[in-house]
Amino acid sequence: MNLHSLTAHALLDLFRSGKASAREAYEAVLGRIKAVDPKVKAYISPVRNLPDFAGEFQIPIAIKDNLCTKGEEITCASRILKGFLFAVRRRGHRKGQEKRRGYFGDREHG
């Protein structure tokens, strides 16, 4: 079974049935990246933070390098941005808005 090629829904079904674990899926994805990435060079940043695999099921994902992730370097594939770390700072948000699920912050940048 090629865990690296399954959808999130398919992985979740396997995790719930006990036929595969999050660790196995994660290792399958890392193995695929190590096998293919030297040829296609799709990944800019190596994996630094390994999940602890405790609690809820962990689905392996890749995040595009133009999306900010707290505490992670973002370069947008540009040498100019090397070393840039996104600092979370919100201005003008409404009271209570930061507690809502799915809130990503204000759309305006400034």
N, C-alpha and C. Protein backbone atom coordinates (compact mmCIF):
# COMPACT_ATOMS: atom_id res chain seq x y z
N MET A 1 0.85 -1.17 0.00
CA MET A 1 0.00 0.00 0.00
C MET A 1 0.90 1.24 0.00
N ASN A 2 0.64 2.18 -0.90
CA ASN A 2 1.41 3.41 -1.00
C ASN A 2 0.75 4.51 -0.17
N LEU A 3 1.11 4.58 1.09
CA LEU A 3 0.50 5.57 1.99
C LEU A 3 0.76 7.00 1.53
N HIS A 4 1.89 7.23 0.87
CA HIS A 4 2.23 8.59 0.44
C HIS A 4 1.30 9.12 -0.64
N SER A 5 0.57 8.25 -1.32
CA SER A 5 -0.29 8.70 -2.42
C SER A 5 -1.77 8.76 -2.06
N LEU A 6 -2.10 8.47 -0.82
CA LEU A 6 -3.51 8.46 -0.41
C LEU A 6 -3.99 9.85 -0.01
N THR A 7 -5.30 10.05 -0.12
CA THR A 7 -5.90 11.31 0.31
C THR A 7 -5.96 11.33 1.84
N ALA A 8 -6.21 12.52 2.39
CA ALA A 8 -6.35 12.65 3.84
C ALA A 8 -7.50 11.80 4.35
N HIS A 9 -8.60 11.76 3.60
CA HIS A 9 -9.75 10.95 4.03
C HIS A 9 -9.40 9.46 4.05
N ALA A 10 -8.69 8.99 3.04
CA ALA A 10 -8.31 7.58 2.98
C ALA A 10 -7.35 7.24 4.12
N LEU A 11 -6.40 8.14 4.41
CA LEU A 11 -5.49 7.91 5.52
C LEU A 11 -6.24 7.84 6.84
N LEU A 12 -7.15 8.76 7.04
CA LEU A 12 -7.92 8.79 8.28
C LEU A 12 -8.71 7.50 8.47
N ASP A 13 -9.29 6.99 7.39
CA ASP A 13 -10.02 5.71 7.46
C ASP A 13 -9.09 4.57 7.88
N LEU A 14 -7.87 4.56 7.32
CA LEU A 14 -6.90 3.52 7.69
C LEU A 14 -6.45 3.66 9.14
N PHE A 15 -6.26 4.89 9.59
CA PHE A 15 -5.85 5.12 10.98
C PHE A 15 -6.93 4.62 11.93
N ARG A 16 -8.18 4.98 11.64
CA ARG A 16 -9.29 4.58 12.51
C ARG A 16 -9.50 3.08 12.54
N SER A 17 -9.25 2.40 11.41
CA SER A 17 -9.44 0.95 11.36
C SER A 17 -8.24 0.20 11.93
N GLY A 18 -7.14 0.90 12.18
CA GLY A 18 -5.94 0.27 12.72
C GLY A 18 -5.08 -0.40 11.67
N LYS A 19 -5.39 -0.20 10.39
CA LYS A 19 -4.62 -0.83 9.30
C LYS A 19 -3.32 -0.08 9.00
N ALA A 20 -3.22 1.15 9.47
CA ALA A 20 -2.00 1.95 9.30
C ALA A 20 -1.95 2.96 10.44
N SER A 21 -0.75 3.44 10.71
CA SER A 21 -0.59 4.44 11.77
C SER A 21 -0.10 5.75 11.16
N ALA A 22 -0.26 6.82 11.93
CA ALA A 22 0.22 8.13 11.48
C ALA A 22 1.73 8.10 11.27
N ARG A 23 2.43 7.40 12.14
CA ARG A 23 3.89 7.30 12.00
C ARG A 23 4.26 6.61 10.68
N GLU A 24 3.54 5.55 10.33
CA GLU A 24 3.81 4.85 9.06
C GLU A 24 3.56 5.76 7.87
N ALA A 25 2.47 6.53 7.92
CA ALA A 25 2.16 7.45 6.82
C ALA A 25 3.23 8.52 6.71
N TYR A 26 3.64 9.06 7.84
CA TYR A 26 4.66 10.09 7.86
C TYR A 26 5.98 9.56 7.29
N GLU A 27 6.37 8.36 7.70
CA GLU A 27 7.60 7.76 7.20
C GLU A 27 7.51 7.47 5.70
N ALA A 28 6.32 7.08 5.21
CA ALA A 28 6.12 6.83 3.79
C ALA A 28 6.28 8.12 2.98
N VAL A 29 5.73 9.21 3.49
CA VAL A 29 5.85 10.50 2.81
C VAL A 29 7.31 10.96 2.81
N LEU A 30 7.99 10.85 3.95
CA LEU A 30 9.42 11.23 4.00
C LEU A 30 10.25 10.39 3.05
N GLY A 31 9.95 9.09 2.99
CA GLY A 31 10.67 8.20 2.07
C GLY A 31 10.46 8.61 0.62
N ARG A 32 9.24 8.96 0.28
CA ARG A 32 8.94 9.40 -1.09
C ARG A 32 9.66 10.70 -1.41
N ILE A 33 9.66 11.63 -0.46
CA ILE A 33 10.36 12.90 -0.67
C ILE A 33 11.84 12.65 -0.90
N LYS A 34 12.45 11.80 -0.07
CA LYS A 34 13.88 11.51 -0.22
C LYS A 34 14.19 10.82 -1.54
N ALA A 35 13.25 10.01 -2.05
CA ALA A 35 13.47 9.30 -3.30
C ALA A 35 13.30 10.20 -4.53
N VAL A 36 12.36 11.12 -4.48
CA VAL A 36 12.00 11.90 -5.67
C VAL A 36 12.57 13.31 -5.68
N ASP A 37 12.68 13.94 -4.51
CA ASP A 37 13.04 15.35 -4.47
C ASP A 37 14.41 15.68 -5.06
N PRO A 38 15.42 14.83 -4.96
CA PRO A 38 16.69 15.18 -5.60
C PRO A 38 16.54 15.43 -7.11
N LYS A 39 15.56 14.80 -7.73
CA LYS A 39 15.33 14.99 -9.17
C LYS A 39 14.45 16.20 -9.46
N VAL A 40 13.38 16.38 -8.68
CA VAL A 40 12.41 17.43 -8.99
C VAL A 40 12.64 18.72 -8.20
N LYS A 41 13.35 18.63 -7.11
CA LYS A 41 13.68 19.80 -6.26
C LYS A 41 12.44 20.64 -5.92
N ALA A 42 11.43 19.98 -5.39
CA ALA A 42 10.18 20.65 -5.05
C ALA A 42 10.17 21.19 -3.63
N TYR A 43 11.00 20.64 -2.76
CA TYR A 43 10.99 21.05 -1.35
C TYR A 43 12.14 21.99 -1.07
N ILE A 44 11.81 23.16 -0.50
CA ILE A 44 12.81 24.18 -0.20
C ILE A 44 13.41 23.96 1.19
N SER A 45 12.55 23.72 2.16
CA SER A 45 12.97 23.58 3.55
C SER A 45 12.87 22.13 3.99
N PRO A 46 13.89 21.63 4.64
CA PRO A 46 13.80 20.27 5.16
C PRO A 46 12.84 20.20 6.34
N VAL A 47 12.37 19.03 6.63
CA VAL A 47 11.49 18.82 7.79
C VAL A 47 12.30 19.02 9.04
N ARG A 48 11.82 19.89 9.94
CA ARG A 48 12.54 20.16 11.19
C ARG A 48 11.78 19.67 12.40
N ASN A 49 10.49 19.84 12.40
CA ASN A 49 9.69 19.50 13.57
C ASN A 49 8.91 18.22 13.33
N LEU A 50 9.32 17.17 14.00
CA LEU A 50 8.63 15.90 13.87
C LEU A 50 7.42 15.89 14.80
N PRO A 51 6.28 15.41 14.32
CA PRO A 51 5.11 15.35 15.20
C PRO A 51 5.33 14.33 16.31
N ASP A 52 4.60 14.49 17.40
CA ASP A 52 4.75 13.54 18.51
C ASP A 52 3.83 12.34 18.38
N PHE A 53 2.92 12.36 17.42
CA PHE A 53 2.01 11.24 17.14
C PHE A 53 1.15 10.87 18.35
N ALA A 54 0.91 11.81 19.24
CA ALA A 54 0.05 11.57 20.40
C ALA A 54 -1.28 12.28 20.18
N GLY A 55 -2.32 11.75 20.76
CA GLY A 55 -3.63 12.40 20.66
C GLY A 55 -4.29 12.13 19.33
N GLU A 56 -4.77 13.17 18.68
CA GLU A 56 -5.50 13.02 17.42
C GLU A 56 -4.58 12.51 16.32
N PHE A 57 -5.20 11.97 15.27
CA PHE A 57 -4.45 11.45 14.13
C PHE A 57 -3.72 12.58 13.41
N GLN A 58 -2.49 12.33 13.05
CA GLN A 58 -1.67 13.31 12.34
C GLN A 58 -1.66 12.96 10.85
N ILE A 59 -2.10 13.90 10.00
CA ILE A 59 -2.08 13.71 8.56
C ILE A 59 -0.87 14.49 8.01
N PRO A 60 0.06 13.83 7.31
CA PRO A 60 1.22 14.55 6.78
C PRO A 60 0.80 15.49 5.65
N ILE A 61 1.29 16.73 5.71
CA ILE A 61 1.00 17.72 4.67
C ILE A 61 2.27 18.48 4.33
N ALA A 62 2.26 19.12 3.18
CA ALA A 62 3.33 20.04 2.79
C ALA A 62 2.70 21.43 2.71
N ILE A 63 3.46 22.43 3.10
CA ILE A 63 2.96 23.80 3.07
C ILE A 63 3.77 24.60 2.07
N LYS A 64 3.06 25.25 1.16
CA LYS A 64 3.71 26.07 0.14
C LYS A 64 4.54 27.17 0.79
N ASP A 65 5.68 27.48 0.21
CA ASP A 65 6.63 28.42 0.80
C ASP A 65 6.23 29.88 0.69
N ASN A 66 5.00 30.17 0.29
CA ASN A 66 4.57 31.56 0.33
C ASN A 66 3.47 31.75 1.38
N LEU A 67 3.26 30.74 2.22
CA LEU A 67 2.31 30.81 3.32
C LEU A 67 3.10 30.88 4.62
N CYS A 68 2.77 31.81 5.46
CA CYS A 68 3.50 32.01 6.71
C CYS A 68 3.09 30.97 7.75
N THR A 69 4.08 30.40 8.39
CA THR A 69 3.88 29.46 9.48
C THR A 69 4.66 29.99 10.67
N LYS A 70 3.99 30.17 11.79
CA LYS A 70 4.61 30.77 12.96
C LYS A 70 5.91 30.04 13.34
N GLY A 71 6.96 30.80 13.46
CA GLY A 71 8.25 30.27 13.89
C GLY A 71 9.06 29.59 12.81
N GLU A 72 8.56 29.54 11.57
CA GLU A 72 9.29 28.89 10.49
C GLU A 72 9.76 29.93 9.48
N GLU A 73 10.92 29.69 8.90
CA GLU A 73 11.44 30.59 7.87
C GLU A 73 10.55 30.53 6.64
N ILE A 74 10.30 31.68 6.04
CA ILE A 74 9.55 31.75 4.78
C ILE A 74 10.38 32.54 3.79
N THR A 75 10.66 31.95 2.63
CA THR A 75 11.49 32.62 1.64
C THR A 75 10.80 32.86 0.32
N CYS A 76 9.68 32.24 0.07
CA CYS A 76 9.01 32.33 -1.25
C CYS A 76 9.99 31.98 -2.36
N ALA A 77 10.89 31.07 -2.07
CA ALA A 77 11.93 30.61 -2.99
C ALA A 77 12.86 31.74 -3.44
N SER A 78 13.05 32.74 -2.59
CA SER A 78 13.89 33.89 -2.91
C SER A 78 15.04 33.99 -1.91
N ARG A 79 16.24 34.23 -2.41
CA ARG A 79 17.39 34.41 -1.52
C ARG A 79 17.29 35.71 -0.72
N ILE A 80 16.55 36.67 -1.22
CA ILE A 80 16.38 37.95 -0.53
C ILE A 80 15.71 37.76 0.83
N LEU A 81 14.78 36.81 0.91
CA LEU A 81 14.04 36.58 2.15
C LEU A 81 14.70 35.56 3.08
N LYS A 82 15.88 35.11 2.74
CA LYS A 82 16.55 34.11 3.58
C LYS A 82 16.65 34.60 5.02
N GLY A 83 16.19 33.78 5.95
CA GLY A 83 16.23 34.11 7.36
C GLY A 83 15.00 34.83 7.88
N PHE A 84 14.03 35.14 6.99
CA PHE A 84 12.83 35.85 7.43
C PHE A 84 11.91 34.92 8.20
N LEU A 85 11.57 35.32 9.41
CA LEU A 85 10.62 34.57 10.23
C LEU A 85 9.37 35.42 10.39
N PHE A 86 8.23 34.83 10.14
CA PHE A 86 6.97 35.53 10.25
C PHE A 86 6.67 35.79 11.72
N ALA A 87 6.45 37.05 12.06
CA ALA A 87 6.08 37.43 13.42
C ALA A 87 4.58 37.68 13.45
N VAL A 88 3.87 36.98 14.30
CA VAL A 88 2.43 37.15 14.39
C VAL A 88 2.13 38.50 15.01
N ARG A 89 1.42 39.33 14.27
CA ARG A 89 1.05 40.65 14.76
C ARG A 89 -0.26 41.04 14.09
N ARG A 90 -1.27 41.26 14.87
CA ARG A 90 -2.57 41.64 14.32
C ARG A 90 -2.91 43.03 14.81
N ARG A 91 -3.41 43.86 13.91
CA ARG A 91 -3.87 45.19 14.28
C ARG A 91 -5.32 45.33 13.88
N GLY A 92 -6.08 45.98 14.70
CA GLY A 92 -7.45 46.31 14.33
C GLY A 92 -8.42 45.15 14.31
N HIS A 93 -8.09 44.04 14.98
CA HIS A 93 -9.04 42.93 14.98
C HIS A 93 -10.15 43.20 15.99
N ARG A 94 -11.28 42.61 15.73
CA ARG A 94 -12.42 42.78 16.62
C ARG A 94 -12.27 41.89 17.85
N LYS A 95 -12.78 42.36 18.96
CA LYS A 95 -12.71 41.61 20.21
C LYS A 95 -13.35 40.24 20.03
N GLY A 96 -12.64 39.21 20.44
CA GLY A 96 -13.16 37.84 20.36
C GLY A 96 -12.90 37.16 19.04
N GLN A 97 -12.51 37.91 18.02
CA GLN A 97 -12.31 37.33 16.70
C GLN A 97 -11.16 36.32 16.68
N GLU A 98 -10.14 36.58 17.50
CA GLU A 98 -8.98 35.69 17.50
C GLU A 98 -9.31 34.33 18.10
N LYS A 99 -10.43 34.19 18.80
CA LYS A 99 -10.79 32.92 19.42
C LYS A 99 -11.60 32.02 18.49
N ARG A 100 -12.10 32.58 17.41
CA ARG A 100 -12.92 31.79 16.50
C ARG A 100 -12.08 30.79 15.75
N ARG A 101 -12.63 29.63 15.58
CA ARG A 101 -11.93 28.59 14.83
C ARG A 101 -11.83 29.01 13.36
N GLY A 102 -10.69 28.84 12.78
CA GLY A 102 -10.49 29.19 11.39
C GLY A 102 -10.11 30.63 11.14
N TYR A 103 -9.90 31.40 12.21
CA TYR A 103 -9.51 32.80 12.03
C TYR A 103 -8.04 32.88 11.67
N PHE A 104 -7.73 33.50 10.54
CA PHE A 104 -6.37 33.59 10.09
C PHE A 104 -5.76 34.98 10.24
N GLY A 105 -6.55 35.94 10.69
CA GLY A 105 -6.04 37.30 10.84
C GLY A 105 -6.62 38.22 9.81
N ASP A 106 -6.18 39.45 9.86
CA ASP A 106 -6.70 40.48 8.96
C ASP A 106 -6.15 40.29 7.55
N ARG A 107 -6.95 40.74 6.58
CA ARG A 107 -6.54 40.61 5.18
C ARG A 107 -5.62 41.72 4.75
N GLU A 108 -5.72 42.89 5.37
CA GLU A 108 -4.87 44.01 4.99
C GLU A 108 -3.50 43.85 5.62
N HIS A 109 -2.50 44.24 4.89
CA HIS A 109 -1.12 44.20 5.40
C HIS A 109 -0.65 45.63 5.53
N GLY A 110 0.06 45.90 6.62
CA GLY A 110 0.52 47.27 6.73
C GLY A 110 1.39 47.52 7.90
